[in-house]
Amino acid sequence: MRRSLKTCLQYGFVVGNYGWEEKEIVVKKYALDDAGKVAAKKEIININVPSYDCMDLRQLLWDPGCKVQNSPR
């Protein structure tokens, strides 16, 4: 979001891509077994996390060669 605000203030225009990203999280749960000892059980939980990516305007809209110095033309 910081790059989006900076791009918007600098160029007056911003392009962003948003969506969802799926991640797997390993959660440990502790329980007593039959012998009275503590045993750890690992569980995998799938969660969806919102994602956002600020697009670089110099590579997206105008000339992609703007970012390269001394480009041969």
PDB file of N, CA and C in Angstrom:
ATOM      1  N   MET A   1       0.818  -1.188   0.000  1.00  0.00           N
ATOM      2  CA  MET A   1       0.000   0.000   0.000  1.00  0.00           C
ATOM      3  C   MET A   1       0.865   1.256   0.000  1.00  0.00           C
ATOM      4  N   ARG A   2       2.041   1.174   0.619  1.00  0.00           N
ATOM      5  CA  ARG A   2       2.928   2.338   0.636  1.00  0.00           C
ATOM      6  C   ARG A   2       3.368   2.681  -0.790  1.00  0.00           C
ATOM      7  N   ARG A   3       3.693   1.647  -1.580  1.00  0.00           N
ATOM      8  CA  ARG A   3       4.103   1.896  -2.968  1.00  0.00           C
ATOM      9  C   ARG A   3       2.951   2.461  -3.784  1.00  0.00           C
ATOM     10  N   SER A   4       1.718   2.022  -3.508  1.00  0.00           N
ATOM     11  CA  SER A   4       0.554   2.549  -4.224  1.00  0.00           C
ATOM     12  C   SER A   4       0.349   4.023  -3.927  1.00  0.00           C
ATOM     13  N   LEU A   5       0.448   4.397  -2.649  1.00  0.00           N
ATOM     14  CA  LEU A   5       0.286   5.800  -2.294  1.00  0.00           C
ATOM     15  C   LEU A   5       1.397   6.658  -2.885  1.00  0.00           C
ATOM     16  N   LYS A   6       2.619   6.143  -2.869  1.00  0.00           N
ATOM     17  CA  LYS A   6       3.747   6.890  -3.431  1.00  0.00           C
ATOM     18  C   LYS A   6       3.584   7.074  -4.943  1.00  0.00           C
ATOM     19  N   THR A   7       3.149   6.021  -5.636  1.00  0.00           N
ATOM     20  CA  THR A   7       2.927   6.103  -7.079  1.00  0.00           C
ATOM     21  C   THR A   7       1.804   7.069  -7.404  1.00  0.00           C
ATOM     22  N   CYS A   8       0.749   7.035  -6.604  1.00  0.00           N
ATOM     23  CA  CYS A   8      -0.384   7.929  -6.837  1.00  0.00           C
ATOM     24  C   CYS A   8       0.015   9.391  -6.627  1.00  0.00           C
ATOM     25  N   LEU A   9       0.815   9.660  -5.600  1.00  0.00           N
ATOM     26  CA  LEU A   9       1.246  11.037  -5.356  1.00  0.00           C
ATOM     27  C   LEU A   9       2.246  11.509  -6.403  1.00  0.00           C
ATOM     28  N   GLN A  10       3.082  10.594  -6.909  1.00  0.00           N
ATOM     29  CA  GLN A  10       4.115  10.985  -7.865  1.00  0.00           C
ATOM     30  C   GLN A  10       3.565  11.152  -9.276  1.00  0.00           C
ATOM     31  N   TYR A  11       2.732  10.194  -9.732  1.00  0.00           N
ATOM     32  CA  TYR A  11       2.256  10.207 -11.111  1.00  0.00           C
ATOM     33  C   TYR A  11       0.795  10.621 -11.236  1.00  0.00           C
ATOM     34  N   GLY A  12       0.034  10.612 -10.138  1.00  0.00           N
ATOM     35  CA  GLY A  12      -1.381  10.929 -10.216  1.00  0.00           C
ATOM     36  C   GLY A  12      -2.218   9.778 -10.718  1.00  0.00           C
ATOM     37  N   PHE A  13      -1.637   8.591 -10.767  1.00  0.00           N
ATOM     38  CA  PHE A  13      -2.325   7.427 -11.319  1.00  0.00           C
ATOM     39  C   PHE A  13      -1.718   6.184 -10.688  1.00  0.00           C
ATOM     40  N   VAL A  14      -2.537   5.185 -10.402  1.00  0.00           N
ATOM     41  CA  VAL A  14      -2.021   3.952  -9.811  1.00  0.00           C
ATOM     42  C   VAL A  14      -2.814   2.768 -10.365  1.00  0.00           C
ATOM     43  N   VAL A  15      -2.128   1.648 -10.547  1.00  0.00           N
ATOM     44  CA  VAL A  15      -2.764   0.403 -10.979  1.00  0.00           C
ATOM     45  C   VAL A  15      -2.372  -0.671  -9.976  1.00  0.00           C
ATOM     46  N   GLY A  16      -3.362  -1.362  -9.450  1.00  0.00           N
ATOM     47  CA  GLY A  16      -3.107  -2.418  -8.478  1.00  0.00           C
ATOM     48  C   GLY A  16      -3.867  -3.675  -8.845  1.00  0.00           C
ATOM     49  N   ASN A  17      -3.370  -4.788  -8.351  1.00  0.00           N
ATOM     50  CA  ASN A  17      -3.982  -6.078  -8.598  1.00  0.00           C
ATOM     51  C   ASN A  17      -4.288  -6.707  -7.244  1.00  0.00           C
ATOM     52  N   TYR A  18      -5.546  -7.043  -7.011  1.00  0.00           N
ATOM     53  CA  TYR A  18      -5.909  -7.636  -5.738  1.00  0.00           C
ATOM     54  C   TYR A  18      -6.520  -9.015  -5.961  1.00  0.00           C
ATOM     55  N   GLY A  19      -6.502  -9.818  -4.932  1.00  0.00           N
ATOM     56  CA  GLY A  19      -7.067 -11.158  -5.026  1.00  0.00           C
ATOM     57  C   GLY A  19      -6.913 -11.901  -3.717  1.00  0.00           C
ATOM     58  N   TRP A  20      -6.941 -13.220  -3.808  1.00  0.00           N
ATOM     59  CA  TRP A  20      -6.826 -14.075  -2.640  1.00  0.00           C
ATOM     60  C   TRP A  20      -5.691 -15.050  -2.839  1.00  0.00           C
ATOM     61  N   GLU A  21      -4.988 -15.345  -1.775  1.00  0.00           N
ATOM     62  CA  GLU A  21      -3.874 -16.280  -1.795  1.00  0.00           C
ATOM     63  C   GLU A  21      -4.162 -17.372  -0.765  1.00  0.00           C
ATOM     64  N   GLU A  22      -4.011 -18.632  -1.176  1.00  0.00           N
ATOM     65  CA  GLU A  22      -4.275 -19.738  -0.265  1.00  0.00           C
ATOM     66  C   GLU A  22      -2.978 -20.175   0.396  1.00  0.00           C
ATOM     67  N   LYS A  23      -2.997 -20.297   1.723  1.00  0.00           N
ATOM     68  CA  LYS A  23      -1.820 -20.696   2.474  1.00  0.00           C
ATOM     69  C   LYS A  23      -2.164 -21.873   3.376  1.00  0.00           C
ATOM     70  N   GLU A  24      -1.140 -22.667   3.648  1.00  0.00           N
ATOM     71  CA  GLU A  24      -1.292 -23.775   4.585  1.00  0.00           C
ATOM     72  C   GLU A  24      -0.550 -23.432   5.877  1.00  0.00           C
ATOM     73  N   ILE A  25      -1.228 -23.601   7.006  1.00  0.00           N
ATOM     74  CA  ILE A  25      -0.634 -23.335   8.308  1.00  0.00           C
ATOM     75  C   ILE A  25      -0.644 -24.633   9.108  1.00  0.00           C
ATOM     76  N   VAL A  26       0.497 -24.935   9.716  1.00  0.00           N
ATOM     77  CA  VAL A  26       0.602 -26.114  10.563  1.00  0.00           C
ATOM     78  C   VAL A  26       0.338 -25.691  12.004  1.00  0.00           C
ATOM     79  N   VAL A  27      -0.661 -26.307  12.610  1.00  0.00           N
ATOM     80  CA  VAL A  27      -1.048 -26.003  13.987  1.00  0.00           C
ATOM     81  C   VAL A  27      -0.787 -27.246  14.828  1.00  0.00           C
ATOM     82  N   LYS A  28      -0.111 -27.065  15.962  1.00  0.00           N
ATOM     83  CA  LYS A  28       0.131 -28.170  16.885  1.00  0.00           C
ATOM     84  C   LYS A  28      -0.927 -28.148  17.977  1.00  0.00           C
ATOM     85  N   LYS A  29      -1.507 -29.311  18.220  1.00  0.00           N
ATOM     86  CA  LYS A  29      -2.457 -29.463  19.323  1.00  0.00           C
ATOM     87  C   LYS A  29      -1.895 -30.520  20.261  1.00  0.00           C
ATOM     88  N   TYR A  30      -1.905 -30.210  21.538  1.00  0.00           N
ATOM     89  CA  TYR A  30      -1.340 -31.099  22.544  1.00  0.00           C
ATOM     90  C   TYR A  30      -2.468 -31.807  23.286  1.00  0.00           C
ATOM     91  N   ALA A  31      -2.253 -33.124  23.506  1.00  0.00           N
ATOM     92  CA  ALA A  31      -3.245 -33.921  24.230  1.00  0.00           C
ATOM     93  C   ALA A  31      -2.533 -35.022  25.002  1.00  0.00           C
ATOM     94  N   LEU A  32      -3.211 -35.513  26.025  1.00  0.00           N
ATOM     95  CA  LEU A  32      -2.669 -36.620  26.803  1.00  0.00           C
ATOM     96  C   LEU A  32      -3.006 -37.944  26.106  1.00  0.00           C
ATOM     97  N   ASP A  33      -2.011 -38.819  26.009  1.00  0.00           N
ATOM     98  CA  ASP A  33      -2.279 -40.150  25.450  1.00  0.00           C
ATOM     99  C   ASP A  33      -2.650 -41.104  26.579  1.00  0.00           C
ATOM    100  N   ASP A  34      -2.787 -42.388  26.239  1.00  0.00           N
ATOM    101  CA  ASP A  34      -3.221 -43.388  27.234  1.00  0.00           C
ATOM    102  C   ASP A  34      -2.209 -43.572  28.363  1.00  0.00           C
ATOM    103  N   ALA A  35      -0.924 -43.347  28.072  1.00  0.00           N
ATOM    104  CA  ALA A  35       0.114 -43.525  29.091  1.00  0.00           C
ATOM    105  C   ALA A  35       0.249 -42.306  30.007  1.00  0.00           C
ATOM    106  N   GLY A  36      -0.478 -41.241  29.732  1.00  0.00           N
ATOM    107  CA  GLY A  36      -0.408 -40.040  30.556  1.00  0.00           C
ATOM    108  C   GLY A  36       0.649 -39.048  30.107  1.00  0.00           C
ATOM    109  N   LYS A  37       1.253 -39.293  28.955  1.00  0.00           N
ATOM    110  CA  LYS A  37       2.263 -38.373  28.423  1.00  0.00           C
ATOM    111  C   LYS A  37       1.614 -37.391  27.452  1.00  0.00           C
ATOM    112  N   VAL A  38       2.231 -36.256  27.350  1.00  0.00           N
ATOM    113  CA  VAL A  38       1.736 -35.232  26.425  1.00  0.00           C
ATOM    114  C   VAL A  38       2.263 -35.533  25.031  1.00  0.00           C
ATOM    115  N   ALA A  39       1.346 -35.595  24.073  1.00  0.00           N
ATOM    116  CA  ALA A  39       1.722 -35.865  22.685  1.00  0.00           C
ATOM    117  C   ALA A  39       1.227 -34.717  21.814  1.00  0.00           C
ATOM    118  N   ALA A  40       2.048 -34.345  20.857  1.00  0.00           N
ATOM    119  CA  ALA A  40       1.692 -33.260  19.938  1.00  0.00           C
ATOM    120  C   ALA A  40       1.140 -33.845  18.649  1.00  0.00           C
ATOM    121  N   LYS A  41       0.029 -33.293  18.214  1.00  0.00           N
ATOM    122  CA  LYS A  41      -0.570 -33.694  16.942  1.00  0.00           C
ATOM    123  C   LYS A  41      -0.536 -32.488  16.018  1.00  0.00           C
ATOM    124  N   LYS A  42      -0.009 -32.685  14.819  1.00  0.00           N
ATOM    125  CA  LYS A  42       0.064 -31.587  13.847  1.00  0.00           C
ATOM    126  C   LYS A  42      -1.138 -31.658  12.913  1.00  0.00           C
ATOM    127  N   GLU A  43      -1.762 -30.514  12.727  1.00  0.00           N
ATOM    128  CA  GLU A  43      -2.882 -30.395  11.803  1.00  0.00           C
ATOM    129  C   GLU A  43      -2.568 -29.308  10.793  1.00  0.00           C
ATOM    130  N   ILE A  44      -2.920 -29.562   9.549  1.00  0.00           N
ATOM    131  CA  ILE A  44      -2.723 -28.575   8.486  1.00  0.00           C
ATOM    132  C   ILE A  44      -4.061 -27.892   8.227  1.00  0.00           C
ATOM    133  N   ILE A  45      -4.050 -26.575   8.325  1.00  0.00           N
ATOM    134  CA  ILE A  45      -5.249 -25.775   8.100  1.00  0.00           C
ATOM    135  C   ILE A  45      -5.009 -24.900   6.874  1.00  0.00           C
ATOM    136  N   ASN A  46      -5.936 -24.918   5.938  1.00  0.00           N
ATOM    137  CA  ASN A  46      -5.864 -24.054   4.754  1.00  0.00           C
ATOM    138  C   ASN A  46      -6.654 -22.784   5.028  1.00  0.00           C
ATOM    139  N   ILE A  47      -6.008 -21.635   4.813  1.00  0.00           N
ATOM    140  CA  ILE A  47      -6.677 -20.348   4.987  1.00  0.00           C
ATOM    141  C   ILE A  47      -6.500 -19.519   3.715  1.00  0.00           C
ATOM    142  N   ASN A  48      -7.424 -18.622   3.491  1.00  0.00           N
ATOM    143  CA  ASN A  48      -7.345 -17.680   2.379  1.00  0.00           C
ATOM    144  C   ASN A  48      -6.988 -16.310   2.935  1.00  0.00           C
ATOM    145  N   VAL A  49      -5.964 -15.696   2.348  1.00  0.00           N
ATOM    146  CA  VAL A  49      -5.454 -14.413   2.798  1.00  0.00           C
ATOM    147  C   VAL A  49      -5.597 -13.411   1.652  1.00  0.00           C
ATOM    148  N   PRO A  50      -6.122 -12.208   1.924  1.00  0.00           N
ATOM    149  CA  PRO A  50      -6.194 -11.219   0.851  1.00  0.00           C
ATOM    150  C   PRO A  50      -4.795 -10.749   0.446  1.00  0.00           C
ATOM    151  N   SER A  51      -4.601 -10.539  -0.851  1.00  0.00           N
ATOM    152  CA  SER A  51      -3.304 -10.082  -1.351  1.00  0.00           C
ATOM    153  C   SER A  51      -3.503  -8.863  -2.250  1.00  0.00           C
ATOM    154  N   TYR A  52      -2.479  -8.037  -2.310  1.00  0.00           N
ATOM    155  CA  TYR A  52      -2.513  -6.832  -3.139  1.00  0.00           C
ATOM    156  C   TYR A  52      -1.111  -6.596  -3.695  1.00  0.00           C
ATOM    157  N   ASP A  53      -1.037  -6.221  -4.968  1.00  0.00           N
ATOM    158  CA  ASP A  53       0.240  -5.961  -5.609  1.00  0.00           C
ATOM    159  C   ASP A  53       0.128  -4.673  -6.417  1.00  0.00           C
ATOM    160  N   CYS A  54       1.043  -3.754  -6.164  1.00  0.00           N
ATOM    161  CA  CYS A  54       1.082  -2.498  -6.905  1.00  0.00           C
ATOM    162  C   CYS A  54       1.869  -2.722  -8.190  1.00  0.00           C
ATOM    163  N   MET A  55       1.279  -2.409  -9.334  1.00  0.00           N
ATOM    164  CA  MET A  55       1.945  -2.594 -10.630  1.00  0.00           C
ATOM    165  C   MET A  55       2.885  -1.419 -10.899  1.00  0.00           C
ATOM    166  N   ASP A  56       4.037  -1.718 -11.487  1.00  0.00           N
ATOM    167  CA  ASP A  56       5.001  -0.689 -11.836  1.00  0.00           C
ATOM    168  C   ASP A  56       4.540  -0.017 -13.130  1.00  0.00           C
ATOM    169  N   LEU A  57       4.243   1.276 -13.066  1.00  0.00           N
ATOM    170  CA  LEU A  57       3.693   1.981 -14.225  1.00  0.00           C
ATOM    171  C   LEU A  57       4.678   2.071 -15.372  1.00  0.00           C
ATOM    172  N   ARG A  58       5.969   2.111 -15.057  1.00  0.00           N
ATOM    173  CA  ARG A  58       6.965   2.226 -16.128  1.00  0.00           C
ATOM    174  C   ARG A  58       7.046   0.948 -16.950  1.00  0.00           C
ATOM    175  N   GLN A  59       6.642  -0.168 -16.402  1.00  0.00           N
ATOM    176  CA  GLN A  59       6.645  -1.413 -17.164  1.00  0.00           C
ATOM    177  C   GLN A  59       5.258  -1.777 -17.670  1.00  0.00           C
ATOM    178  N   LEU A  60       4.238  -1.141 -17.162  1.00  0.00           N
ATOM    179  CA  LEU A  60       2.874  -1.524 -17.488  1.00  0.00           C
ATOM    180  C   LEU A  60       2.293  -0.741 -18.658  1.00  0.00           C
ATOM    181  N   LEU A  61       2.389   0.575 -18.624  1.00  0.00           N
ATOM    182  CA  LEU A  61       1.653   1.373 -19.595  1.00  0.00           C
ATOM    183  C   LEU A  61       2.512   1.946 -20.719  1.00  0.00           C
ATOM    184  N   TRP A  62       3.546   2.686 -20.353  1.00  0.00           N
ATOM    185  CA  TRP A  62       4.251   3.427 -21.380  1.00  0.00           C
ATOM    186  C   TRP A  62       5.376   2.615 -21.990  1.00  0.00           C
ATOM    187  N   ASP A  63       6.569   3.003 -21.813  1.00  0.00           N
ATOM    188  CA  ASP A  63       7.724   2.364 -22.429  1.00  0.00           C
ATOM    189  C   ASP A  63       8.435   1.483 -21.408  1.00  0.00           C
ATOM    190  N   PRO A  64       8.486   0.158 -21.633  1.00  0.00           N
ATOM    191  CA  PRO A  64       9.180  -0.692 -20.656  1.00  0.00           C
ATOM    192  C   PRO A  64      10.680  -0.438 -20.623  1.00  0.00           C
ATOM    193  N   GLY A  65      11.225   0.264 -21.610  1.00  0.00           N
ATOM    194  CA  GLY A  65      12.651   0.576 -21.629  1.00  0.00           C
ATOM    195  C   GLY A  65      13.028   1.741 -20.733  1.00  0.00           C
ATOM    196  N   CYS A  66      12.036   2.392 -20.107  1.00  0.00           N
ATOM    197  CA  CYS A  66      12.325   3.532 -19.232  1.00  0.00           C
ATOM    198  C   CYS A  66      13.121   3.123 -17.996  1.00  0.00           C
ATOM    199  N   LYS A  67      12.961   1.888 -17.573  1.00  0.00           N
ATOM    200  CA  LYS A  67      13.608   1.456 -16.357  1.00  0.00           C
ATOM    201  C   LYS A  67      15.062   1.042 -16.619  1.00  0.00           C
ATOM    202  N   VAL A  68      15.436   0.828 -17.881  1.00  0.00           N
ATOM    203  CA  VAL A  68      16.780   0.388 -18.226  1.00  0.00           C
ATOM    204  C   VAL A  68      17.601   1.586 -18.659  1.00  0.00           C
ATOM    205  N   GLN A  69      18.791   1.744 -18.080  1.00  0.00           N
ATOM    206  CA  GLN A  69      19.648   2.860 -18.469  1.00  0.00           C
ATOM    207  C   GLN A  69      20.421   2.509 -19.728  1.00  0.00           C
ATOM    208  N   ASN A  70      20.677   3.487 -20.567  1.00  0.00           N
ATOM    209  CA  ASN A  70      21.463   3.356 -21.797  1.00  0.00           C
ATOM    210  C   ASN A  70      20.983   2.209 -22.677  1.00  0.00           C
ATOM    211  N   SER A  71      19.683   2.154 -22.899  1.00  0.00           N
ATOM    212  CA  SER A  71      19.143   1.082 -23.733  1.00  0.00           C
ATOM    213  C   SER A  71      19.399   1.420 -25.206  1.00  0.00           C
ATOM    214  N   PRO A  72      19.866   0.463 -26.011  1.00  0.00           N
ATOM    215  CA  PRO A  72      20.099   0.722 -27.444  1.00  0.00           C
ATOM    216  C   PRO A  72      18.765   0.798 -28.173  1.00  0.00           C
ATOM    217  N   ARG A  73      18.632   1.801 -29.032  1.00  0.00           N
ATOM    218  CA  ARG A  73      17.399   1.955 -29.811  1.00  0.00           C
ATOM    219  C   ARG A  73      17.715   2.117 -31.257  1.00  0.00           C
TER     220      ARG A  73
END
